[in-house]
PDB file of N, CA and C in Angstrom:
ATOM      1  N   MET A   1       1.735  28.175 -40.407  1.00  0.00           N
ATOM      2  CA  MET A   1       2.389  26.955 -40.063  1.00  0.00           C
ATOM      3  C   MET A   1       2.243  25.960 -41.162  1.00  0.00           C
ATOM      4  N   SER A   2       3.314  25.326 -41.407  1.00  0.00           N
ATOM      5  CA  SER A   2       3.268  24.382 -42.522  1.00  0.00           C
ATOM      6  C   SER A   2       2.550  23.087 -42.266  1.00  0.00           C
ATOM      7  N   ALA A   3       2.158  22.496 -43.109  1.00  0.00           N
ATOM      8  CA  ALA A   3       1.327  21.174 -42.928  1.00  0.00           C
ATOM      9  C   ALA A   3       2.122  20.133 -42.272  1.00  0.00           C
ATOM     10  N   ALA A   4       3.505  20.029 -42.585  1.00  0.00           N
ATOM     11  CA  ALA A   4       4.321  18.969 -41.974  1.00  0.00           C
ATOM     12  C   ALA A   4       4.438  19.284 -40.461  1.00  0.00           C
ATOM     13  N   LEU A   5       4.698  20.680 -40.125  1.00  0.00           N
ATOM     14  CA  LEU A   5       4.839  21.018 -38.816  1.00  0.00           C
ATOM     15  C   LEU A   5       3.613  20.891 -38.028  1.00  0.00           C
ATOM     16  N   PHE A   6       2.484  21.286 -38.660  1.00  0.00           N
ATOM     17  CA  PHE A   6       1.233  21.108 -37.993  1.00  0.00           C
ATOM     18  C   PHE A   6       0.930  19.613 -37.696  1.00  0.00           C
ATOM     19  N   GLY A   7       1.295  18.787 -38.551  1.00  0.00           N
ATOM     20  CA  GLY A   7       0.983  17.264 -38.439  1.00  0.00           C
ATOM     21  C   GLY A   7       1.908  16.787 -37.286  1.00  0.00           C
ATOM     22  N   ARG A   8       3.138  17.210 -37.136  1.00  0.00           N
ATOM     23  CA  ARG A   8       3.997  16.694 -36.040  1.00  0.00           C
ATOM     24  C   ARG A   8       3.518  17.298 -34.743  1.00  0.00           C
ATOM     25  N   ARG A   9       2.997  18.596 -34.776  1.00  0.00           N
ATOM     26  CA  ARG A   9       2.509  19.179 -33.414  1.00  0.00           C
ATOM     27  C   ARG A   9       1.178  18.414 -33.082  1.00  0.00           C
ATOM     28  N   PHE A  10       0.309  18.092 -33.832  1.00  0.00           N
ATOM     29  CA  PHE A  10      -0.865  17.373 -33.694  1.00  0.00           C
ATOM     30  C   PHE A  10      -0.641  16.012 -33.082  1.00  0.00           C
ATOM     31  N   LEU A  11       0.402  15.248 -33.618  1.00  0.00           N
ATOM     32  CA  LEU A  11       0.938  13.924 -33.036  1.00  0.00           C
ATOM     33  C   LEU A  11       1.458  14.100 -31.772  1.00  0.00           C
ATOM     34  N   LEU A  12       2.240  15.073 -31.446  1.00  0.00           N
ATOM     35  CA  LEU A  12       2.551  15.215 -30.018  1.00  0.00           C
ATOM     36  C   LEU A  12       1.570  15.590 -29.102  1.00  0.00           C
ATOM     37  N   ASP A  13       0.720  16.487 -29.598  1.00  0.00           N
ATOM     38  CA  ASP A  13      -0.451  16.786 -28.821  1.00  0.00           C
ATOM     39  C   ASP A  13      -1.394  15.530 -28.327  1.00  0.00           C
ATOM     40  N   CYS A  14      -1.614  14.735 -29.447  1.00  0.00           N
ATOM     41  CA  CYS A  14      -2.286  13.488 -29.166  1.00  0.00           C
ATOM     42  C   CYS A  14      -1.534  12.486 -28.143  1.00  0.00           C
ATOM     43  N   ALA A  15      -0.213  12.367 -28.395  1.00  0.00           N
ATOM     44  CA  ALA A  15       0.407  11.694 -27.472  1.00  0.00           C
ATOM     45  C   ALA A  15       0.381  12.046 -25.990  1.00  0.00           C
ATOM     46  N   HIS A  16       0.451  13.471 -25.884  1.00  0.00           N
ATOM     47  CA  HIS A  16       0.386  14.087 -24.496  1.00  0.00           C
ATOM     48  C   HIS A  16      -1.175  13.726 -23.893  1.00  0.00           C
ATOM     49  N   VAL A  17      -2.209  13.741 -24.661  1.00  0.00           N
ATOM     50  CA  VAL A  17      -3.545  13.523 -24.291  1.00  0.00           C
ATOM     51  C   VAL A  17      -3.574  12.038 -23.823  1.00  0.00           C
ATOM     52  N   ARG A  18      -3.122  11.145 -24.561  1.00  0.00           N
ATOM     53  CA  ARG A  18      -3.073   9.751 -24.344  1.00  0.00           C
ATOM     54  C   ARG A  18      -2.347   9.513 -22.972  1.00  0.00           C
ATOM     55  N   GLN A  19      -1.134  10.072 -22.765  1.00  0.00           N
ATOM     56  CA  GLN A  19      -0.384   9.969 -21.473  1.00  0.00           C
ATOM     57  C   GLN A  19      -1.176  10.544 -20.431  1.00  0.00           C
ATOM     58  N   SER A  20      -1.725  11.625 -20.562  1.00  0.00           N
ATOM     59  CA  SER A  20      -2.486  12.287 -19.466  1.00  0.00           C
ATOM     60  C   SER A  20      -3.757  11.446 -19.023  1.00  0.00           C
ATOM     61  N   ALA A  21      -4.411  10.815 -20.100  1.00  0.00           N
ATOM     62  CA  ALA A  21      -5.591   9.857 -19.706  1.00  0.00           C
ATOM     63  C   ALA A  21      -5.222   8.800 -18.968  1.00  0.00           C
ATOM     64  N   ARG A  22      -3.935   8.279 -19.493  1.00  0.00           N
ATOM     65  CA  ARG A  22      -3.535   7.018 -18.684  1.00  0.00           C
ATOM     66  C   ARG A  22      -3.339   7.298 -17.232  1.00  0.00           C
ATOM     67  N   LEU A  23      -2.598   8.450 -17.143  1.00  0.00           N
ATOM     68  CA  LEU A  23      -2.276   8.774 -15.719  1.00  0.00           C
ATOM     69  C   LEU A  23      -3.447   9.218 -14.769  1.00  0.00           C
ATOM     70  N   SER A  24      -4.283   9.782 -15.389  1.00  0.00           N
ATOM     71  CA  SER A  24      -5.540  10.351 -14.602  1.00  0.00           C
ATOM     72  C   SER A  24      -6.383   9.118 -14.344  1.00  0.00           C
ATOM     73  N   ASP A  25      -6.414   7.969 -15.070  1.00  0.00           N
ATOM     74  CA  ASP A  25      -7.145   6.822 -14.989  1.00  0.00           C
ATOM     75  C   ASP A  25      -6.745   6.131 -13.659  1.00  0.00           C
ATOM     76  N   MET A  26      -5.399   6.345 -13.338  1.00  0.00           N
ATOM     77  CA  MET A  26      -4.832   5.736 -12.109  1.00  0.00           C
ATOM     78  C   MET A  26      -5.295   6.552 -10.864  1.00  0.00           C
ATOM     79  N   SER A  27      -5.700   7.627 -10.956  1.00  0.00           N
ATOM     80  CA  SER A  27      -6.064   8.533  -9.664  1.00  0.00           C
ATOM     81  C   SER A  27      -4.700   8.587  -8.837  1.00  0.00           C
ATOM     82  N   THR A  28      -3.635   9.057  -9.535  1.00  0.00           N
ATOM     83  CA  THR A  28      -2.333   9.146  -8.902  1.00  0.00           C
ATOM     84  C   THR A  28      -2.216  10.507  -8.143  1.00  0.00           C
ATOM     85  N   THR A  29      -1.453  10.467  -7.318  1.00  0.00           N
ATOM     86  CA  THR A  29      -0.789  11.691  -6.655  1.00  0.00           C
ATOM     87  C   THR A  29       0.634  11.579  -6.678  1.00  0.00           C
ATOM     88  N   ARG A  30       1.206  12.765  -6.618  1.00  0.00           N
ATOM     89  CA  ARG A  30       2.691  12.835  -6.887  1.00  0.00           C
ATOM     90  C   ARG A  30       3.288  13.112  -5.577  1.00  0.00           C
ATOM     91  N   ILE A  31       4.505  12.430  -5.207  1.00  0.00           N
ATOM     92  CA  ILE A  31       5.245  12.753  -4.188  1.00  0.00           C
ATOM     93  C   ILE A  31       6.758  12.981  -4.644  1.00  0.00           C
ATOM     94  N   SER A  32       7.521  13.690  -3.815  1.00  0.00           N
ATOM     95  CA  SER A  32       9.010  13.924  -4.123  1.00  0.00           C
ATOM     96  C   SER A  32       9.814  13.209  -2.993  1.00  0.00           C
ATOM     97  N   VAL A  33      10.925  12.572  -3.580  1.00  0.00           N
ATOM     98  CA  VAL A  33      11.743  11.885  -2.687  1.00  0.00           C
ATOM     99  C   VAL A  33      13.267  12.217  -3.091  1.00  0.00           C
ATOM    100  N   ARG A  34      13.967  12.611  -2.147  1.00  0.00           N
ATOM    101  CA  ARG A  34      15.440  12.858  -2.236  1.00  0.00           C
ATOM    102  C   ARG A  34      16.149  11.476  -2.286  1.00  0.00           C
ATOM    103  N   LEU A  35      17.029  11.275  -3.342  1.00  0.00           N
ATOM    104  CA  LEU A  35      17.887   9.970  -3.370  1.00  0.00           C
ATOM    105  C   LEU A  35      19.249  10.437  -3.571  1.00  0.00           C
ATOM    106  N   ASP A  36      20.035   9.599  -2.907  1.00  0.00           N
ATOM    107  CA  ASP A  36      21.596   9.814  -3.269  1.00  0.00           C
ATOM    108  C   ASP A  36      21.855   9.413  -4.847  1.00  0.00           C
ATOM    109  N   ARG A  37      23.021   9.779  -5.158  1.00  0.00           N
ATOM    110  CA  ARG A  37      23.376   9.379  -6.714  1.00  0.00           C
ATOM    111  C   ARG A  37      23.558   8.003  -6.835  1.00  0.00           C
ATOM    112  N   THR A  38      23.933   7.211  -5.951  1.00  0.00           N
ATOM    113  CA  THR A  38      24.181   5.683  -5.964  1.00  0.00           C
ATOM    114  C   THR A  38      22.741   5.153  -6.161  1.00  0.00           C
ATOM    115  N   LEU A  39      21.765   5.439  -5.302  1.00  0.00           N
ATOM    116  CA  LEU A  39      20.531   4.864  -5.465  1.00  0.00           C
ATOM    117  C   LEU A  39      19.852   5.122  -6.740  1.00  0.00           C
ATOM    118  N   ARG A  40      19.883   6.507  -7.143  1.00  0.00           N
ATOM    119  CA  ARG A  40      19.412   7.006  -8.370  1.00  0.00           C
ATOM    120  C   ARG A  40      19.907   6.124  -9.548  1.00  0.00           C
ATOM    121  N   ALA A  41      21.179   6.030  -9.461  1.00  0.00           N
ATOM    122  CA  ALA A  41      21.919   5.230 -10.577  1.00  0.00           C
ATOM    123  C   ALA A  41      21.289   3.670 -10.589  1.00  0.00           C
ATOM    124  N   LYS A  42      21.175   2.939  -9.407  1.00  0.00           N
ATOM    125  CA  LYS A  42      20.654   1.781  -9.345  1.00  0.00           C
ATOM    126  C   LYS A  42      19.359   1.732  -9.983  1.00  0.00           C
ATOM    127  N   ILE A  43      18.485   2.636  -9.627  1.00  0.00           N
ATOM    128  CA  ILE A  43      17.069   2.697 -10.172  1.00  0.00           C
ATOM    129  C   ILE A  43      17.069   2.890 -11.629  1.00  0.00           C
ATOM    130  N   ARG A  44      17.789   3.752 -12.242  1.00  0.00           N
ATOM    131  CA  ARG A  44      17.942   4.088 -13.675  1.00  0.00           C
ATOM    132  C   ARG A  44      18.379   2.730 -14.335  1.00  0.00           C
ATOM    133  N   LYS A  45      19.569   2.099 -13.851  1.00  0.00           N
ATOM    134  CA  LYS A  45      20.079   0.838 -14.432  1.00  0.00           C
ATOM    135  C   LYS A  45      18.960  -0.256 -14.334  1.00  0.00           C
ATOM    136  N   GLN A  46      18.319  -0.544 -13.173  1.00  0.00           N
ATOM    137  CA  GLN A  46      17.286  -1.574 -13.189  1.00  0.00           C
ATOM    138  C   GLN A  46      16.067  -1.218 -14.072  1.00  0.00           C
ATOM    139  N   ALA A  47      15.687  -0.049 -14.084  1.00  0.00           N
ATOM    140  CA  ALA A  47      14.653   0.199 -15.002  1.00  0.00           C
ATOM    141  C   ALA A  47      14.994  -0.054 -16.531  1.00  0.00           C
ATOM    142  N   ARG A  48      16.185   0.457 -16.859  1.00  0.00           N
ATOM    143  CA  ARG A  48      16.665   0.094 -18.152  1.00  0.00           C
ATOM    144  C   ARG A  48      16.746  -1.191 -18.587  1.00  0.00           C
ATOM    145  N   ALA A  49      17.226  -2.170 -17.598  1.00  0.00           N
ATOM    146  CA  ALA A  49      17.497  -3.578 -17.743  1.00  0.00           C
ATOM    147  C   ALA A  49      16.043  -4.322 -17.889  1.00  0.00           C
ATOM    148  N   LYS A  50      15.041  -3.693 -17.280  1.00  0.00           N
ATOM    149  CA  LYS A  50      13.709  -4.357 -17.264  1.00  0.00           C
ATOM    150  C   LYS A  50      12.883  -3.822 -18.318  1.00  0.00           C
ATOM    151  N   GLY A  51      13.350  -2.653 -19.031  1.00  0.00           N
ATOM    152  CA  GLY A  51      12.584  -2.140 -20.017  1.00  0.00           C
ATOM    153  C   GLY A  51      11.347  -1.410 -19.397  1.00  0.00           C
ATOM    154  N   LYS A  52      11.529  -0.805 -18.206  1.00  0.00           N
ATOM    155  CA  LYS A  52      10.359  -0.093 -17.680  1.00  0.00           C
ATOM    156  C   LYS A  52      10.773   1.371 -17.363  1.00  0.00           C
ATOM    157  N   LYS A  53       9.733   2.271 -17.143  1.00  0.00           N
ATOM    158  CA  LYS A  53      10.005   3.404 -16.650  1.00  0.00           C
ATOM    159  C   LYS A  53      10.490   3.467 -15.153  1.00  0.00           C
ATOM    160  N   GLU A  54      11.295   4.532 -14.724  1.00  0.00           N
ATOM    161  CA  GLU A  54      11.676   4.535 -13.423  1.00  0.00           C
ATOM    162  C   GLU A  54      10.385   4.626 -12.485  1.00  0.00           C
ATOM    163  N   ALA A  55       9.474   5.430 -12.615  1.00  0.00           N
ATOM    164  CA  ALA A  55       8.357   5.527 -11.765  1.00  0.00           C
ATOM    165  C   ALA A  55       7.648   4.134 -11.740  1.00  0.00           C
ATOM    166  N   GLU A  56       7.532   3.559 -12.860  1.00  0.00           N
ATOM    167  CA  GLU A  56       6.854   2.025 -12.629  1.00  0.00           C
ATOM    168  C   GLU A  56       7.575   0.988 -11.795  1.00  0.00           C
ATOM    169  N   LEU A  57       8.820   1.183 -11.939  1.00  0.00           N
ATOM    170  CA  LEU A  57       9.769   0.263 -11.080  1.00  0.00           C
ATOM    171  C   LEU A  57       9.630   0.662  -9.674  1.00  0.00           C
ATOM    172  N   ILE A  58       9.645   2.022  -9.307  1.00  0.00           N
ATOM    173  CA  ILE A  58       9.576   2.374  -7.964  1.00  0.00           C
ATOM    174  C   ILE A  58       8.097   2.072  -7.405  1.00  0.00           C
ATOM    175  N   ARG A  59       7.030   2.208  -8.182  1.00  0.00           N
ATOM    176  CA  ARG A  59       5.698   1.846  -7.631  1.00  0.00           C
ATOM    177  C   ARG A  59       5.562   0.351  -7.480  1.00  0.00           C
ATOM    178  N   GLU A  60       6.096  -0.576  -8.391  1.00  0.00           N
ATOM    179  CA  GLU A  60       6.207  -1.991  -8.078  1.00  0.00           C
ATOM    180  C   GLU A  60       6.888  -2.355  -6.739  1.00  0.00           C
ATOM    181  N   ALA A  61       7.929  -1.608  -6.626  1.00  0.00           N
ATOM    182  CA  ALA A  61       8.830  -1.835  -5.288  1.00  0.00           C
ATOM    183  C   ALA A  61       8.214  -1.559  -4.203  1.00  0.00           C
ATOM    184  N   LEU A  62       7.442  -0.443  -4.131  1.00  0.00           N
ATOM    185  CA  LEU A  62       6.596  -0.052  -2.902  1.00  0.00           C
ATOM    186  C   LEU A  62       5.429  -1.069  -2.764  1.00  0.00           C
ATOM    187  N   VAL A  63       4.749  -1.357  -3.909  1.00  0.00           N
ATOM    188  CA  VAL A  63       3.749  -2.339  -3.618  1.00  0.00           C
ATOM    189  C   VAL A  63       4.257  -3.640  -3.050  1.00  0.00           C
ATOM    190  N   LYS A  64       5.320  -4.058  -3.514  1.00  0.00           N
ATOM    191  CA  LYS A  64       5.976  -5.433  -3.081  1.00  0.00           C
ATOM    192  C   LYS A  64       6.316  -5.190  -1.612  1.00  0.00           C
ATOM    193  N   GLU A  65       6.929  -4.148  -1.206  1.00  0.00           N
ATOM    194  CA  GLU A  65       7.206  -3.746   0.060  1.00  0.00           C
ATOM    195  C   GLU A  65       5.988  -3.973   1.137  1.00  0.00           C
ATOM    196  N   PHE A  66       4.986  -3.217   0.688  1.00  0.00           N
ATOM    197  CA  PHE A  66       3.851  -3.087   1.572  1.00  0.00           C
ATOM    198  C   PHE A  66       3.063  -4.474   1.738  1.00  0.00           C
ATOM    199  N   ASP A  67       3.003  -5.129   0.559  1.00  0.00           N
ATOM    200  CA  ASP A  67       2.178  -6.543   0.473  1.00  0.00           C
ATOM    201  C   ASP A  67       3.049  -7.410   1.445  1.00  0.00           C
ATOM    202  N   ALA A  68       4.360  -7.295   1.437  1.00  0.00           N
ATOM    203  CA  ALA A  68       5.125  -8.193   2.333  1.00  0.00           C
ATOM    204  C   ALA A  68       5.163  -7.913   3.679  1.00  0.00           C
ATOM    205  N   ALA A  69       4.723  -6.867   4.195  1.00  0.00           N
ATOM    206  CA  ALA A  69       4.669  -6.307   5.572  1.00  0.00           C
ATOM    207  C   ALA A  69       3.472  -7.163   6.328  1.00  0.00           C
ATOM    208  N   PRO A  70       3.912  -7.563   7.662  1.00  0.00           N
ATOM    209  CA  PRO A  70       3.018  -8.499   8.242  1.00  0.00           C
ATOM    210  C   PRO A  70       1.781  -7.527   8.848  1.00  0.00           C
ATOM    211  N   ARG A  71       0.639  -8.128   8.807  1.00  0.00           N
ATOM    212  CA  ARG A  71      -0.587  -7.381   9.430  1.00  0.00           C
ATOM    213  C   ARG A  71      -0.399  -7.170  10.953  1.00  0.00           C
ATOM    214  N   ALA A  72      -1.070  -6.146  11.442  1.00  0.00           N
ATOM    215  CA  ALA A  72      -1.043  -5.732  12.734  1.00  0.00           C
ATOM    216  C   ALA A  72      -2.001  -6.852  13.444  1.00  0.00           C
ATOM    217  N   LYS A  73      -1.464  -7.235  14.679  1.00  0.00           N
ATOM    218  CA  LYS A  73      -2.166  -8.350  15.576  1.00  0.00           C
ATOM    219  C   LYS A  73      -3.423  -7.653  16.006  1.00  0.00           C
ATOM    220  N   THR A  74      -4.396  -8.526  16.271  1.00  0.00           N
ATOM    221  CA  THR A  74      -5.619  -7.928  17.042  1.00  0.00           C
ATOM    222  C   THR A  74      -5.270  -7.942  18.587  1.00  0.00           C
ATOM    223  N   CYS A  75      -6.192  -7.343  19.216  1.00  0.00           N
ATOM    224  CA  CYS A  75      -6.089  -7.102  20.701  1.00  0.00           C
ATOM    225  C   CYS A  75      -6.264  -8.711  21.230  1.00  0.00           C
ATOM    226  N   TYR A  76      -7.130  -9.315  20.702  1.00  0.00           N
ATOM    227  CA  TYR A  76      -7.227 -10.791  21.115  1.00  0.00           C
ATOM    228  C   TYR A  76      -6.005 -11.664  21.010  1.00  0.00           C
ATOM    229  N   GLU A  77      -5.341 -11.401  19.755  1.00  0.00           N
ATOM    230  CA  GLU A  77      -4.174 -12.281  19.478  1.00  0.00           C
ATOM    231  C   GLU A  77      -2.987 -11.779  20.440  1.00  0.00           C
ATOM    232  N   LEU A  78      -2.854 -10.543  20.726  1.00  0.00           N
ATOM    233  CA  LEU A  78      -1.950 -10.021  21.778  1.00  0.00           C
ATOM    234  C   LEU A  78      -2.168 -10.601  23.240  1.00  0.00           C
ATOM    235  N   GLY A  79      -3.409 -10.546  23.441  1.00  0.00           N
ATOM    236  CA  GLY A  79      -3.913 -10.988  24.805  1.00  0.00           C
ATOM    237  C   GLY A  79      -3.467 -12.481  24.984  1.00  0.00           C
ATOM    238  N   MET A  80      -3.861 -13.143  23.913  1.00  0.00           N
ATOM    239  CA  MET A  80      -3.417 -14.674  23.938  1.00  0.00           C
ATOM    240  C   MET A  80      -1.889 -14.854  24.048  1.00  0.00           C
ATOM    241  N   GLU A  81      -1.104 -14.057  23.354  1.00  0.00           N
ATOM    242  CA  GLU A  81       0.403 -14.149  23.395  1.00  0.00           C
ATOM    243  C   GLU A  81       0.844 -13.835  24.802  1.00  0.00           C
ATOM    244  N   LEU A  82       0.288 -12.944  25.372  1.00  0.00           N
ATOM    245  CA  LEU A  82       0.705 -12.529  26.830  1.00  0.00           C
ATOM    246  C   LEU A  82       0.114 -13.359  27.876  1.00  0.00           C
ATOM    247  N   GLY A  83      -0.800 -14.283  27.496  1.00  0.00           N
ATOM    248  CA  GLY A  83      -1.431 -15.028  28.476  1.00  0.00           C
ATOM    249  C   GLY A  83      -2.369 -14.466  29.331  1.00  0.00           C
ATOM    250  N   LEU A  84      -3.090 -13.337  28.908  1.00  0.00           N
ATOM    251  CA  LEU A  84      -4.044 -12.720  29.619  1.00  0.00           C
ATOM    252  C   LEU A  84      -5.405 -13.146  29.575  1.00  0.00           C
ATOM    253  N   ILE A  85      -5.604 -13.950  28.541  1.00  0.00           N
ATOM    254  CA  ILE A  85      -7.032 -14.488  28.285  1.00  0.00           C
ATOM    255  C   ILE A  85      -7.116 -15.958  28.774  1.00  0.00           C
ATOM    256  N   GLY A  86      -8.127 -16.093  29.771  1.00  0.00           N
ATOM    257  CA  GLY A  86      -8.187 -17.303  30.556  1.00  0.00           C
ATOM    258  C   GLY A  86      -7.292 -17.428  31.634  1.00  0.00           C
ATOM    259  N   CYS A  87      -6.753 -16.351  32.196  1.00  0.00           N
ATOM    260  CA  CYS A  87      -5.711 -16.455  33.154  1.00  0.00           C
ATOM    261  C   CYS A  87      -6.201 -16.578  34.628  1.00  0.00           C
ATOM    262  N   SER A  88      -7.514 -16.370  34.864  1.00  0.00           N
ATOM    263  CA  SER A  88      -8.018 -16.350  36.132  1.00  0.00           C
ATOM    264  C   SER A  88      -8.347 -17.842  36.527  1.00  0.00           C
ATOM    265  N   ASP A  89      -7.788 -18.264  37.752  1.00  0.00           N
ATOM    266  CA  ASP A  89      -8.022 -19.627  38.262  1.00  0.00           C
ATOM    267  C   ASP A  89      -9.307 -19.788  39.101  1.00  0.00           C
ATOM    268  N   GLY A  90      -9.866 -20.815  39.068  1.00  0.00           N
ATOM    269  CA  GLY A  90     -11.075 -21.137  39.953  1.00  0.00           C
ATOM    270  C   GLY A  90     -12.348 -20.421  39.387  1.00  0.00           C
ATOM    271  N   LEU A  91     -12.471 -19.923  38.328  1.00  0.00           N
ATOM    272  CA  LEU A  91     -13.588 -19.410  37.881  1.00  0.00           C
ATOM    273  C   LEU A  91     -14.220 -20.360  36.663  1.00  0.00           C
ATOM    274  N   PRO A  92     -15.618 -20.260  36.472  1.00  0.00           N
ATOM    275  CA  PRO A  92     -16.275 -21.156  35.513  1.00  0.00           C
ATOM    276  C   PRO A  92     -15.643 -20.900  34.040  1.00  0.00           C
ATOM    277  N   ALA A  93     -15.639 -21.827  33.176  1.00  0.00           N
ATOM    278  CA  ALA A  93     -15.044 -21.692  31.846  1.00  0.00           C
ATOM    279  C   ALA A  93     -16.026 -20.782  30.895  1.00  0.00           C
ATOM    280  N   ASP A  94     -17.288 -20.964  31.344  1.00  0.00           N
ATOM    281  CA  ASP A  94     -18.201 -20.162  30.547  1.00  0.00           C
ATOM    282  C   ASP A  94     -18.742 -18.795  31.167  1.00  0.00           C
ATOM    283  N   LEU A  95     -17.847 -18.115  31.915  1.00  0.00           N
ATOM    284  CA  LEU A  95     -18.213 -17.008  32.628  1.00  0.00           C
ATOM    285  C   LEU A  95     -18.647 -15.845  31.727  1.00  0.00           C
ATOM    286  N   SER A  96     -18.098 -15.647  30.611  1.00  0.00           N
ATOM    287  CA  SER A  96     -18.370 -14.461  29.852  1.00  0.00           C
ATOM    288  C   SER A  96     -19.504 -14.834  28.886  1.00  0.00           C
ATOM    289  N   THR A  97     -20.044 -16.039  28.765  1.00  0.00           N
ATOM    290  CA  THR A  97     -21.105 -16.354  27.834  1.00  0.00           C
ATOM    291  C   THR A  97     -22.310 -16.891  28.544  1.00  0.00           C
ATOM    292  N   ASN A  98     -22.387 -17.229  29.747  1.00  0.00           N
ATOM    293  CA  ASN A  98     -23.563 -17.896  30.301  1.00  0.00           C
ATOM    294  C   ASN A  98     -24.176 -16.795  31.077  1.00  0.00           C
ATOM    295  N   PRO A  99     -25.498 -16.561  30.682  1.00  0.00           N
ATOM    296  CA  PRO A  99     -26.454 -15.673  31.307  1.00  0.00           C
ATOM    297  C   PRO A  99     -26.626 -15.710  32.637  1.00  0.00           C
ATOM    298  N   LYS A 100     -26.551 -16.821  33.199  1.00  0.00           N
ATOM    299  CA  LYS A 100     -26.946 -17.065  34.682  1.00  0.00           C
ATOM    300  C   LYS A 100     -25.731 -16.266  35.599  1.00  0.00           C
ATOM    301  N   TYR A 101     -24.557 -16.090  34.956  1.00  0.00           N
ATOM    302  CA  TYR A 101     -23.623 -15.314  35.761  1.00  0.00           C
ATOM    303  C   TYR A 101     -23.944 -13.854  35.697  1.00  0.00           C
ATOM    304  N   MET A 102     -24.761 -13.390  34.892  1.00  0.00           N
ATOM    305  CA  MET A 102     -25.056 -11.999  34.729  1.00  0.00           C
ATOM    306  C   MET A 102     -26.255 -11.394  35.612  1.00  0.00           C
ATOM    307  N   GLU A 103     -26.842 -12.453  36.313  1.00  0.00           N
ATOM    308  CA  GLU A 103     -27.953 -12.060  37.394  1.00  0.00           C
ATOM    309  C   GLU A 103     -27.446 -11.074  38.228  1.00  0.00           C
ATOM    310  N   GLY A 104     -28.178 -10.025  38.523  1.00  0.00           N
ATOM    311  CA  GLY A 104     -27.858  -9.039  39.535  1.00  0.00           C
ATOM    312  C   GLY A 104     -26.667  -8.084  39.020  1.00  0.00           C
ATOM    313  N   PHE A 105     -26.117  -8.330  37.857  1.00  0.00           N
ATOM    314  CA  PHE A 105     -25.034  -7.540  37.413  1.00  0.00           C
ATOM    315  C   PHE A 105     -25.477  -6.006  37.021  1.00  0.00           C
ATOM    316  N   GLY A 106     -24.702  -5.025  37.692  1.00  0.00           N
ATOM    317  CA  GLY A 106     -25.160  -3.637  37.371  1.00  0.00           C
ATOM    318  C   GLY A 106     -26.202  -3.157  38.169  1.00  0.00           C
ATOM    319  N   GLU A 107     -26.748  -3.982  39.349  1.00  0.00           N
ATOM    320  CA  GLU A 107     -27.782  -3.371  40.027  1.00  0.00           C
ATOM    321  C   GLU A 107     -27.228  -2.625  41.351  1.00  0.00           C
TER     322      GLU A 107
END
């Protein structure tokens, strides 16, 4: 192998190692998604316009989508919305917290 060819191969191997290290540092997993040609063209065009790799653009779009999603409501919040909390008439306001109402409970 000539010195020039060996040098070029060494540089390519080093570039591959750097890229592999960068990807493994992210603890990534790979998924496959089928796209129609129109969507694929839009991704390619947007990535070129922003000077980013297609994968980077897609990751950013997914993060943005999930960050914008509303969080799930708690049971308490749902109960309040439905009017189920505090809906019994004629009972003391501190029924669930005052120990005197627990006397004899469970006997």
